[in-house]
Amino acid sequence: MKREILAGIVFAFFFAAVSFAVPITQIRYETTDLGSGRWQYTYDVTNISLTPAIKEFTIWFDYGLYENLAIETLETPIDIWDELVIQPEPVLQDDGYYDALTLDTGIGVGQTVNGFAVSFDWLGIEQPGSQFYEIIDPVTFETLDFGWTVPEPATLLLLGLGGVILRRKRISHEDTRLGEGTSRSWIKAQRKK
């Protein structure tokens, strides 16, 4: 019994440590609605603490949610990066992907490269969101790191602002439902009785 409890505690601490681990790479994205179901992701790739430098990364596009991927990167430091898109495969029901590779020095620790861009037809219901990515060693093809793309801070700010507005509307709606002169503290006290 004690072993099971100890194993559970060790597992919980391990899970917590992994869940809150500091990432060693990060890919941020911004979505742009181009109209008629066409969207664009623009990516910023940051090497937080990965050694060696990032020389290749792959971002996955889920089968059934994306079609007609196209590279939209305008200009590049990116002129030293080779970009490739592979379409989601309907016969095999396989995901598509965007891959960028450089034979130059890559993205060193503390550096960010901005402006990688891919447009696509969005087949989902709501706005497109995070995607799975991998940082690849271009020589051994070993996955060096992986994670989920993160919305740009401006996107997070808008989402947070929307949440605050919805919360205020809910509180306002509750206040009008309670009627004037009824305080929240009185209601809480009545619920405890």
N, C-alpha and C. Protein backbone atom coordinates (compact mmCIF):
# COMPACT_ATOMS: atom_id res chain seq x y z
N MET A 1 0.82 -1.19 0.00
CA MET A 1 0.00 0.00 0.00
C MET A 1 0.87 1.26 0.00
N LYS A 2 1.93 1.25 0.85
CA LYS A 2 2.81 2.41 0.92
C LYS A 2 3.54 2.62 -0.40
N ARG A 3 3.91 1.52 -1.05
CA ARG A 3 4.59 1.63 -2.34
C ARG A 3 3.69 2.27 -3.39
N GLU A 4 2.42 1.91 -3.39
CA GLU A 4 1.47 2.48 -4.35
C GLU A 4 1.30 3.97 -4.12
N ILE A 5 1.22 4.36 -2.85
CA ILE A 5 1.08 5.79 -2.54
C ILE A 5 2.35 6.54 -2.95
N LEU A 6 3.50 5.97 -2.62
CA LEU A 6 4.77 6.60 -2.98
C LEU A 6 4.91 6.70 -4.50
N ALA A 7 4.53 5.64 -5.21
CA ALA A 7 4.59 5.66 -6.67
C ALA A 7 3.66 6.73 -7.23
N GLY A 8 2.48 6.87 -6.64
CA GLY A 8 1.54 7.91 -7.07
C GLY A 8 2.08 9.31 -6.84
N ILE A 9 2.74 9.52 -5.71
CA ILE A 9 3.33 10.83 -5.42
C ILE A 9 4.46 11.14 -6.38
N VAL A 10 5.33 10.16 -6.61
CA VAL A 10 6.44 10.35 -7.55
C VAL A 10 5.91 10.66 -8.94
N PHE A 11 4.89 9.92 -9.38
CA PHE A 11 4.28 10.16 -10.70
C PHE A 11 3.69 11.56 -10.77
N ALA A 12 3.00 11.98 -9.70
CA ALA A 12 2.39 13.32 -9.68
C ALA A 12 3.45 14.41 -9.79
N PHE A 13 4.56 14.26 -9.04
CA PHE A 13 5.64 15.25 -9.12
C PHE A 13 6.28 15.25 -10.50
N PHE A 14 6.48 14.09 -11.08
CA PHE A 14 7.06 13.99 -12.42
C PHE A 14 6.15 14.66 -13.43
N PHE A 15 4.86 14.37 -13.37
CA PHE A 15 3.89 14.96 -14.30
C PHE A 15 3.87 16.48 -14.14
N ALA A 16 3.88 16.96 -12.90
CA ALA A 16 3.88 18.40 -12.66
C ALA A 16 5.14 19.05 -13.22
N ALA A 17 6.29 18.40 -13.03
CA ALA A 17 7.55 18.94 -13.54
C ALA A 17 7.54 19.01 -15.06
N VAL A 18 7.04 17.97 -15.71
CA VAL A 18 6.98 17.96 -17.17
C VAL A 18 5.98 18.99 -17.67
N SER A 19 4.85 19.13 -16.98
CA SER A 19 3.82 20.06 -17.41
C SER A 19 4.27 21.51 -17.35
N PHE A 20 5.10 21.82 -16.35
CA PHE A 20 5.53 23.19 -16.16
C PHE A 20 6.99 23.41 -16.56
N ALA A 21 7.53 22.50 -17.34
CA ALA A 21 8.93 22.61 -17.76
C ALA A 21 9.09 23.83 -18.67
N VAL A 22 10.23 24.46 -18.57
CA VAL A 22 10.53 25.60 -19.41
C VAL A 22 10.88 25.08 -20.80
N PRO A 23 10.22 25.59 -21.84
CA PRO A 23 10.52 25.10 -23.18
C PRO A 23 11.91 25.54 -23.63
N ILE A 24 12.51 24.75 -24.51
CA ILE A 24 13.83 25.12 -25.04
C ILE A 24 13.71 25.72 -26.44
N THR A 25 12.54 25.57 -27.06
CA THR A 25 12.25 26.23 -28.33
C THR A 25 10.80 26.72 -28.27
N GLN A 26 10.48 27.64 -29.15
CA GLN A 26 9.10 28.11 -29.21
C GLN A 26 8.80 28.60 -30.62
N ILE A 27 7.63 28.23 -31.10
CA ILE A 27 7.15 28.77 -32.37
C ILE A 27 5.84 29.48 -32.09
N ARG A 28 5.85 30.78 -32.31
CA ARG A 28 4.64 31.59 -32.14
C ARG A 28 3.97 31.74 -33.51
N TYR A 29 2.65 31.90 -33.46
CA TYR A 29 1.93 32.09 -34.72
C TYR A 29 0.93 33.23 -34.60
N GLU A 30 0.63 33.79 -35.75
CA GLU A 30 -0.44 34.78 -35.87
C GLU A 30 -1.33 34.31 -37.01
N THR A 31 -2.63 34.33 -36.81
CA THR A 31 -3.55 33.93 -37.88
C THR A 31 -4.13 35.17 -38.55
N THR A 32 -4.32 35.06 -39.85
CA THR A 32 -4.94 36.12 -40.63
C THR A 32 -6.02 35.50 -41.49
N ASP A 33 -7.23 36.03 -41.40
CA ASP A 33 -8.34 35.57 -42.22
C ASP A 33 -8.25 36.27 -43.57
N LEU A 34 -7.98 35.51 -44.62
CA LEU A 34 -7.85 36.07 -45.97
C LEU A 34 -9.19 36.11 -46.70
N GLY A 35 -10.23 35.54 -46.11
CA GLY A 35 -11.56 35.54 -46.70
C GLY A 35 -11.88 34.25 -47.44
N SER A 36 -13.14 33.93 -47.53
CA SER A 36 -13.64 32.76 -48.26
C SER A 36 -13.03 31.45 -47.76
N GLY A 37 -12.81 31.35 -46.45
CA GLY A 37 -12.28 30.12 -45.87
C GLY A 37 -10.78 29.96 -46.01
N ARG A 38 -10.12 30.99 -46.55
CA ARG A 38 -8.66 30.96 -46.72
C ARG A 38 -8.02 31.71 -45.55
N TRP A 39 -7.03 31.10 -44.93
CA TRP A 39 -6.33 31.67 -43.77
C TRP A 39 -4.84 31.65 -44.01
N GLN A 40 -4.13 32.38 -43.15
CA GLN A 40 -2.67 32.36 -43.20
C GLN A 40 -2.11 32.33 -41.78
N TYR A 41 -1.11 31.47 -41.58
CA TYR A 41 -0.31 31.49 -40.36
C TYR A 41 1.00 32.21 -40.69
N THR A 42 1.44 33.07 -39.79
CA THR A 42 2.78 33.66 -39.87
C THR A 42 3.49 33.23 -38.59
N TYR A 43 4.67 32.65 -38.73
CA TYR A 43 5.39 32.05 -37.61
C TYR A 43 6.66 32.82 -37.27
N ASP A 44 6.94 32.87 -35.96
CA ASP A 44 8.22 33.36 -35.44
C ASP A 44 8.84 32.19 -34.68
N VAL A 45 10.04 31.81 -35.05
CA VAL A 45 10.72 30.65 -34.46
C VAL A 45 11.82 31.15 -33.53
N THR A 46 11.76 30.73 -32.26
CA THR A 46 12.72 31.17 -31.24
C THR A 46 13.46 29.98 -30.65
N ASN A 47 14.76 30.14 -30.55
CA ASN A 47 15.59 29.16 -29.87
C ASN A 47 15.86 29.71 -28.47
N ILE A 48 15.20 29.15 -27.48
CA ILE A 48 15.37 29.63 -26.10
C ILE A 48 16.69 29.11 -25.52
N SER A 49 16.92 27.81 -25.63
CA SER A 49 18.15 27.26 -25.04
C SER A 49 18.62 25.96 -25.69
N LEU A 50 18.18 25.68 -26.90
CA LEU A 50 18.56 24.44 -27.57
C LEU A 50 19.94 24.57 -28.21
N THR A 51 20.80 23.62 -27.89
CA THR A 51 22.06 23.51 -28.62
C THR A 51 22.07 22.13 -29.23
N PRO A 52 22.33 21.98 -30.47
CA PRO A 52 22.82 22.95 -31.44
C PRO A 52 21.72 23.90 -31.92
N ALA A 53 22.09 24.82 -32.80
CA ALA A 53 21.15 25.79 -33.36
C ALA A 53 20.04 25.07 -34.14
N ILE A 54 18.91 25.76 -34.25
CA ILE A 54 17.79 25.21 -35.03
C ILE A 54 18.12 25.37 -36.51
N LYS A 55 18.20 24.25 -37.22
CA LYS A 55 18.47 24.28 -38.65
C LYS A 55 17.32 23.70 -39.47
N GLU A 56 16.38 23.05 -38.80
CA GLU A 56 15.21 22.51 -39.50
C GLU A 56 14.06 22.38 -38.52
N PHE A 57 12.88 22.73 -39.00
CA PHE A 57 11.68 22.52 -38.19
C PHE A 57 10.53 22.13 -39.10
N THR A 58 9.59 21.40 -38.52
CA THR A 58 8.41 20.94 -39.25
C THR A 58 7.17 21.30 -38.43
N ILE A 59 6.17 21.88 -39.08
CA ILE A 59 4.90 22.20 -38.45
C ILE A 59 3.83 21.37 -39.15
N TRP A 60 3.03 20.65 -38.36
CA TRP A 60 2.06 19.70 -38.90
C TRP A 60 0.69 20.33 -39.09
N PHE A 61 0.03 19.96 -40.20
CA PHE A 61 -1.31 20.42 -40.54
C PHE A 61 -2.23 19.20 -40.56
N ASP A 62 -3.15 19.14 -39.61
CA ASP A 62 -4.01 17.97 -39.42
C ASP A 62 -4.87 17.67 -40.64
N TYR A 63 -4.88 16.40 -41.02
CA TYR A 63 -5.77 15.93 -42.09
C TYR A 63 -7.21 16.21 -41.66
N GLY A 64 -8.01 16.68 -42.58
CA GLY A 64 -9.42 16.96 -42.30
C GLY A 64 -9.67 18.39 -41.83
N LEU A 65 -8.61 19.13 -41.49
CA LEU A 65 -8.77 20.52 -41.07
C LEU A 65 -8.12 21.51 -42.04
N TYR A 66 -7.15 21.05 -42.80
CA TYR A 66 -6.40 21.93 -43.70
C TYR A 66 -6.34 21.33 -45.10
N GLU A 67 -6.39 22.23 -46.11
CA GLU A 67 -6.19 21.85 -47.51
C GLU A 67 -5.46 22.97 -48.22
N ASN A 68 -4.88 22.62 -49.36
CA ASN A 68 -4.27 23.61 -50.26
C ASN A 68 -3.23 24.50 -49.57
N LEU A 69 -2.27 23.87 -48.91
CA LEU A 69 -1.20 24.61 -48.25
C LEU A 69 -0.33 25.31 -49.30
N ALA A 70 0.09 26.54 -49.00
CA ALA A 70 0.96 27.29 -49.92
C ALA A 70 1.92 28.15 -49.11
N ILE A 71 3.17 28.17 -49.51
CA ILE A 71 4.18 29.00 -48.85
C ILE A 71 3.92 30.45 -49.22
N GLU A 72 3.86 31.31 -48.20
CA GLU A 72 3.58 32.74 -48.42
C GLU A 72 4.68 33.63 -47.86
N THR A 73 5.79 33.05 -47.45
CA THR A 73 6.88 33.83 -46.88
C THR A 73 7.32 34.88 -47.89
N LEU A 74 7.32 36.16 -47.47
CA LEU A 74 7.62 37.24 -48.40
C LEU A 74 9.11 37.38 -48.67
N GLU A 75 9.83 37.73 -47.65
CA GLU A 75 11.27 37.86 -47.82
C GLU A 75 11.92 37.16 -46.66
N THR A 76 13.11 36.79 -46.84
CA THR A 76 13.69 35.96 -45.82
C THR A 76 15.09 36.37 -45.48
N PRO A 77 15.31 36.33 -44.21
CA PRO A 77 16.63 35.94 -43.80
C PRO A 77 16.49 34.54 -44.21
N ILE A 78 15.33 34.52 -44.49
CA ILE A 78 14.59 33.41 -45.00
C ILE A 78 15.08 33.11 -46.40
N ASP A 79 15.84 33.97 -47.01
CA ASP A 79 16.40 33.59 -48.31
C ASP A 79 17.46 32.50 -48.13
N ILE A 80 17.88 32.27 -46.88
CA ILE A 80 18.82 31.18 -46.62
C ILE A 80 18.09 29.93 -46.11
N TRP A 81 16.77 29.97 -46.11
CA TRP A 81 15.96 28.84 -45.68
C TRP A 81 15.25 28.25 -46.90
N ASP A 82 15.28 26.94 -47.04
CA ASP A 82 14.49 26.25 -48.05
C ASP A 82 13.19 25.81 -47.39
N GLU A 83 12.08 26.16 -48.01
CA GLU A 83 10.77 25.84 -47.45
C GLU A 83 10.06 24.83 -48.36
N LEU A 84 9.25 24.00 -47.74
CA LEU A 84 8.54 22.95 -48.45
C LEU A 84 7.20 22.71 -47.77
N VAL A 85 6.14 22.53 -48.56
CA VAL A 85 4.87 22.09 -47.99
C VAL A 85 4.47 20.77 -48.64
N ILE A 86 3.94 19.89 -47.83
CA ILE A 86 3.37 18.63 -48.30
C ILE A 86 1.89 18.65 -47.90
N GLN A 87 1.03 18.45 -48.90
CA GLN A 87 -0.41 18.53 -48.67
C GLN A 87 -0.91 17.36 -47.82
N PRO A 88 -1.96 17.61 -47.01
CA PRO A 88 -2.62 16.48 -46.33
C PRO A 88 -3.10 15.48 -47.38
N GLU A 89 -2.93 14.20 -47.11
CA GLU A 89 -3.21 13.15 -48.09
C GLU A 89 -4.58 12.52 -47.80
N PRO A 90 -5.58 12.75 -48.68
CA PRO A 90 -6.92 12.22 -48.42
C PRO A 90 -7.03 10.69 -48.55
N VAL A 91 -6.28 10.08 -49.45
CA VAL A 91 -6.38 8.63 -49.63
C VAL A 91 -5.83 7.91 -48.40
N LEU A 92 -4.68 8.35 -47.93
CA LEU A 92 -4.06 7.74 -46.75
C LEU A 92 -4.53 8.37 -45.44
N GLN A 93 -5.29 9.46 -45.56
CA GLN A 93 -5.74 10.24 -44.40
C GLN A 93 -4.55 10.61 -43.53
N ASP A 94 -3.53 11.16 -44.18
CA ASP A 94 -2.29 11.51 -43.51
C ASP A 94 -2.19 13.04 -43.42
N ASP A 95 -1.56 13.52 -42.33
CA ASP A 95 -1.39 14.96 -42.13
C ASP A 95 -0.44 15.55 -43.16
N GLY A 96 -0.61 16.84 -43.42
CA GLY A 96 0.33 17.57 -44.25
C GLY A 96 1.33 18.27 -43.34
N TYR A 97 2.34 18.91 -43.95
CA TYR A 97 3.29 19.64 -43.11
C TYR A 97 4.00 20.74 -43.90
N TYR A 98 4.55 21.65 -43.11
CA TYR A 98 5.41 22.72 -43.61
C TYR A 98 6.78 22.46 -43.01
N ASP A 99 7.81 22.47 -43.83
CA ASP A 99 9.16 22.20 -43.36
C ASP A 99 10.08 23.30 -43.85
N ALA A 100 10.96 23.79 -42.96
CA ALA A 100 11.95 24.80 -43.34
C ALA A 100 13.33 24.28 -42.91
N LEU A 101 14.30 24.43 -43.81
CA LEU A 101 15.65 23.90 -43.60
C LEU A 101 16.67 24.93 -44.05
N THR A 102 17.73 25.08 -43.25
CA THR A 102 18.84 25.93 -43.65
C THR A 102 20.14 25.15 -43.55
N LEU A 103 21.08 25.45 -44.44
CA LEU A 103 22.41 24.87 -44.36
C LEU A 103 23.38 25.90 -43.80
N ASP A 104 22.82 27.06 -43.41
CA ASP A 104 23.61 28.13 -42.82
C ASP A 104 23.76 27.86 -41.32
N THR A 105 24.01 28.89 -40.54
CA THR A 105 24.27 28.72 -39.10
C THR A 105 23.03 28.38 -38.29
N GLY A 106 21.86 28.65 -38.81
CA GLY A 106 20.63 28.33 -38.10
C GLY A 106 20.25 29.40 -37.09
N ILE A 107 19.32 29.03 -36.20
CA ILE A 107 18.82 29.95 -35.17
C ILE A 107 19.51 29.58 -33.87
N GLY A 108 20.44 30.42 -33.42
CA GLY A 108 21.20 30.15 -32.21
C GLY A 108 20.41 30.46 -30.95
N VAL A 109 20.97 30.07 -29.82
CA VAL A 109 20.33 30.32 -28.53
C VAL A 109 20.07 31.81 -28.36
N GLY A 110 18.84 32.14 -27.98
CA GLY A 110 18.45 33.54 -27.78
C GLY A 110 18.04 34.27 -29.04
N GLN A 111 18.04 33.60 -30.17
CA GLN A 111 17.69 34.24 -31.44
C GLN A 111 16.29 33.85 -31.89
N THR A 112 15.69 34.74 -32.68
CA THR A 112 14.37 34.50 -33.28
C THR A 112 14.43 34.86 -34.75
N VAL A 113 13.81 34.04 -35.58
CA VAL A 113 13.64 34.37 -37.00
C VAL A 113 12.15 34.52 -37.24
N ASN A 114 11.78 35.66 -37.83
CA ASN A 114 10.36 36.01 -38.04
C ASN A 114 9.96 35.86 -39.50
N GLY A 115 8.67 35.70 -39.72
CA GLY A 115 8.12 35.86 -41.06
C GLY A 115 7.87 34.62 -41.88
N PHE A 116 8.08 33.42 -41.34
CA PHE A 116 7.71 32.21 -42.08
C PHE A 116 6.19 32.23 -42.22
N ALA A 117 5.66 31.98 -43.41
CA ALA A 117 4.22 32.09 -43.59
C ALA A 117 3.68 31.01 -44.52
N VAL A 118 2.48 30.51 -44.16
CA VAL A 118 1.79 29.48 -44.94
C VAL A 118 0.32 29.85 -45.00
N SER A 119 -0.25 29.81 -46.21
CA SER A 119 -1.70 30.00 -46.33
C SER A 119 -2.35 28.64 -46.59
N PHE A 120 -3.66 28.56 -46.31
CA PHE A 120 -4.36 27.28 -46.39
C PHE A 120 -5.86 27.51 -46.41
N ASP A 121 -6.58 26.50 -46.88
CA ASP A 121 -8.03 26.48 -46.75
C ASP A 121 -8.35 25.82 -45.43
N TRP A 122 -9.14 26.50 -44.60
CA TRP A 122 -9.50 26.00 -43.28
C TRP A 122 -10.84 25.28 -43.35
N LEU A 123 -10.84 24.02 -42.92
CA LEU A 123 -12.05 23.21 -42.98
C LEU A 123 -12.73 23.08 -41.62
N GLY A 124 -12.12 23.66 -40.59
CA GLY A 124 -12.67 23.57 -39.23
C GLY A 124 -13.84 24.51 -39.03
N ILE A 125 -14.41 24.43 -37.84
CA ILE A 125 -15.60 25.22 -37.53
C ILE A 125 -15.21 26.61 -37.04
N GLU A 126 -14.30 26.70 -36.08
CA GLU A 126 -13.90 27.98 -35.54
C GLU A 126 -12.57 28.41 -36.15
N GLN A 127 -11.95 29.41 -35.55
CA GLN A 127 -10.66 29.92 -36.04
C GLN A 127 -9.57 28.88 -35.85
N PRO A 128 -8.62 28.78 -36.80
CA PRO A 128 -7.50 27.84 -36.63
C PRO A 128 -6.69 28.17 -35.38
N GLY A 129 -6.07 27.14 -34.80
CA GLY A 129 -5.33 27.34 -33.56
C GLY A 129 -3.95 26.69 -33.59
N SER A 130 -3.53 26.22 -32.42
CA SER A 130 -2.18 25.67 -32.24
C SER A 130 -1.96 24.41 -33.08
N GLN A 131 -0.71 24.20 -33.44
CA GLN A 131 -0.31 23.04 -34.23
C GLN A 131 0.91 22.38 -33.57
N PHE A 132 1.07 21.11 -33.83
CA PHE A 132 2.22 20.38 -33.33
C PHE A 132 3.43 20.70 -34.20
N TYR A 133 4.59 20.90 -33.57
CA TYR A 133 5.82 21.13 -34.35
C TYR A 133 6.96 20.28 -33.80
N GLU A 134 7.96 20.09 -34.66
CA GLU A 134 9.17 19.36 -34.29
C GLU A 134 10.39 20.13 -34.77
N ILE A 135 11.42 20.14 -33.95
CA ILE A 135 12.72 20.67 -34.35
C ILE A 135 13.56 19.45 -34.72
N ILE A 136 14.11 19.44 -35.92
CA ILE A 136 14.77 18.26 -36.49
C ILE A 136 16.26 18.53 -36.68
N ASP A 137 17.07 17.52 -36.44
CA ASP A 137 18.49 17.56 -36.82
C ASP A 137 18.54 17.18 -38.30
N PRO A 138 18.98 18.08 -39.20
CA PRO A 138 18.94 17.79 -40.63
C PRO A 138 19.93 16.72 -41.09
N VAL A 139 20.86 16.35 -40.24
CA VAL A 139 21.84 15.33 -40.61
C VAL A 139 21.34 13.94 -40.20
N THR A 140 20.90 13.82 -38.95
CA THR A 140 20.48 12.51 -38.43
C THR A 140 18.97 12.30 -38.52
N PHE A 141 18.22 13.35 -38.78
CA PHE A 141 16.75 13.35 -38.80
C PHE A 141 16.14 13.04 -37.44
N GLU A 142 16.92 13.19 -36.40
CA GLU A 142 16.46 12.99 -35.02
C GLU A 142 15.63 14.20 -34.60
N THR A 143 14.54 13.95 -33.86
CA THR A 143 13.74 15.03 -33.30
C THR A 143 14.46 15.56 -32.07
N LEU A 144 14.87 16.84 -32.11
CA LEU A 144 15.61 17.45 -31.01
C LEU A 144 14.67 18.06 -29.96
N ASP A 145 13.53 18.54 -30.41
CA ASP A 145 12.53 19.13 -29.51
C ASP A 145 11.19 19.11 -30.24
N PHE A 146 10.12 19.26 -29.49
CA PHE A 146 8.78 19.30 -30.07
C PHE A 146 7.88 20.07 -29.13
N GLY A 147 6.74 20.47 -29.64
CA GLY A 147 5.78 21.20 -28.82
C GLY A 147 4.60 21.64 -29.66
N TRP A 148 3.86 22.60 -29.13
CA TRP A 148 2.70 23.17 -29.81
C TRP A 148 2.95 24.64 -30.06
N THR A 149 2.57 25.11 -31.24
CA THR A 149 2.72 26.52 -31.54
C THR A 149 1.89 27.33 -30.56
N VAL A 150 2.33 28.57 -30.31
CA VAL A 150 1.71 29.44 -29.30
C VAL A 150 1.22 30.69 -30.00
N PRO A 151 0.02 31.18 -29.66
CA PRO A 151 -0.46 32.42 -30.28
C PRO A 151 0.44 33.60 -29.93
N GLU A 152 0.55 34.55 -30.84
CA GLU A 152 1.30 35.78 -30.58
C GLU A 152 0.66 36.50 -29.40
N PRO A 153 1.44 37.31 -28.68
CA PRO A 153 0.89 38.03 -27.52
C PRO A 153 -0.35 38.85 -27.85
N ALA A 154 -0.41 39.45 -29.03
CA ALA A 154 -1.58 40.24 -29.40
C ALA A 154 -2.83 39.36 -29.44
N THR A 155 -2.68 38.14 -29.95
CA THR A 155 -3.80 37.20 -30.00
C THR A 155 -4.22 36.83 -28.59
N LEU A 156 -3.24 36.56 -27.71
CA LEU A 156 -3.56 36.23 -26.32
C LEU A 156 -4.26 37.39 -25.64
N LEU A 157 -3.82 38.63 -25.92
CA LEU A 157 -4.45 39.80 -25.34
C LEU A 157 -5.91 39.90 -25.75
N LEU A 158 -6.19 39.67 -27.04
CA LEU A 158 -7.57 39.72 -27.51
C LEU A 158 -8.42 38.63 -26.87
N LEU A 159 -7.86 37.42 -26.76
CA LEU A 159 -8.60 36.34 -26.10
C LEU A 159 -8.88 36.67 -24.64
N GLY A 160 -7.89 37.21 -23.96
CA GLY A 160 -8.06 37.60 -22.55
C GLY A 160 -9.09 38.69 -22.40
N LEU A 161 -9.05 39.69 -23.28
CA LEU A 161 -10.02 40.78 -23.24
C LEU A 161 -11.43 40.25 -23.48
N GLY A 162 -11.56 39.32 -24.42
CA GLY A 162 -12.87 38.72 -24.66
C GLY A 162 -13.39 37.99 -23.43
N GLY A 163 -12.50 37.29 -22.73
CA GLY A 163 -12.90 36.59 -21.51
C GLY A 163 -13.36 37.55 -20.43
N VAL A 164 -12.66 38.68 -20.29
CA VAL A 164 -13.05 39.68 -19.29
C VAL A 164 -14.41 40.26 -19.63
N ILE A 165 -14.63 40.56 -20.89
CA ILE A 165 -15.93 41.13 -21.30
C ILE A 165 -17.06 40.13 -21.04
N LEU A 166 -16.84 38.86 -21.40
CA LEU A 166 -17.87 37.86 -21.13
C LEU A 166 -18.15 37.72 -19.64
N ARG A 167 -17.11 37.76 -18.83
CA ARG A 167 -17.26 37.66 -17.37
C ARG A 167 -18.06 38.84 -16.85
N ARG A 168 -17.75 40.04 -17.34
CA ARG A 168 -18.48 41.22 -16.87
C ARG A 168 -19.95 41.16 -17.29
N LYS A 169 -20.21 40.67 -18.50
CA LYS A 169 -21.60 40.54 -18.95
C LYS A 169 -22.35 39.55 -18.07
N ARG A 170 -21.68 38.46 -17.70
CA ARG A 170 -22.31 37.45 -16.86
C ARG A 170 -22.64 38.03 -15.48
N ILE A 171 -21.69 38.78 -14.91
CA ILE A 171 -21.92 39.40 -13.60
C ILE A 171 -23.04 40.42 -13.71
N SER A 172 -23.01 41.23 -14.77
CA SER A 172 -24.05 42.24 -14.99
C SER A 172 -25.41 41.57 -15.14
N HIS A 173 -25.45 40.46 -15.88
CA HIS A 173 -26.70 39.74 -16.09
C HIS A 173 -27.22 39.18 -14.76
N GLU A 174 -26.33 38.66 -13.92
CA GLU A 174 -26.75 38.14 -12.62
C GLU A 174 -27.29 39.25 -11.74
N ASP A 175 -26.65 40.44 -11.78
CA ASP A 175 -27.10 41.56 -10.97
C ASP A 175 -28.50 42.00 -11.37
N THR A 176 -28.80 42.04 -12.67
CA THR A 176 -30.13 42.45 -13.10
C THR A 176 -31.16 41.38 -12.76
N ARG A 177 -30.76 40.13 -12.76
CA ARG A 177 -31.66 39.05 -12.43
C ARG A 177 -32.00 39.07 -10.93
N LEU A 178 -31.03 39.50 -10.11
CA LEU A 178 -31.25 39.54 -8.67
C LEU A 178 -32.13 40.69 -8.27
N GLY A 179 -32.12 41.74 -9.04
CA GLY A 179 -32.91 42.92 -8.69
C GLY A 179 -32.08 43.89 -7.89
N GLU A 180 -32.55 45.13 -7.86
CA GLU A 180 -31.80 46.16 -7.15
C GLU A 180 -31.91 45.95 -5.65
N GLY A 181 -30.87 46.32 -4.93
CA GLY A 181 -30.88 46.25 -3.48
C GLY A 181 -30.47 44.90 -2.92
N THR A 182 -30.31 43.88 -3.78
CA THR A 182 -29.89 42.56 -3.32
C THR A 182 -28.38 42.46 -3.50
N SER A 183 -27.68 42.25 -2.41
CA SER A 183 -26.22 42.20 -2.51
C SER A 183 -25.75 40.76 -2.67
N ARG A 184 -24.59 40.61 -3.24
CA ARG A 184 -23.98 39.29 -3.42
C ARG A 184 -23.68 38.65 -2.07
N SER A 185 -23.21 39.45 -1.12
CA SER A 185 -22.86 38.87 0.19
C SER A 185 -24.12 38.31 0.87
N TRP A 186 -25.27 38.97 0.69
CA TRP A 186 -26.52 38.47 1.29
C TRP A 186 -26.90 37.14 0.64
N ILE A 187 -26.73 37.04 -0.69
CA ILE A 187 -27.05 35.82 -1.41
C ILE A 187 -26.15 34.68 -0.97
N LYS A 188 -24.84 34.96 -0.84
CA LYS A 188 -23.91 33.93 -0.39
C LYS A 188 -24.27 33.46 1.00
N ALA A 189 -24.65 34.38 1.87
CA ALA A 189 -25.04 34.01 3.22
C ALA A 189 -26.28 33.13 3.20
N GLN A 190 -27.23 33.41 2.31
CA GLN A 190 -28.45 32.62 2.22
C GLN A 190 -28.16 31.22 1.71
N ARG A 191 -27.22 31.10 0.82
CA ARG A 191 -26.85 29.78 0.27
C ARG A 191 -26.21 28.89 1.33
N LYS A 192 -25.47 29.49 2.26
CA LYS A 192 -24.81 28.73 3.30
C LYS A 192 -25.78 28.18 4.33
N LYS A 193 -26.94 28.80 4.46
CA LYS A 193 -27.93 28.37 5.46
C LYS A 193 -28.56 27.04 5.14
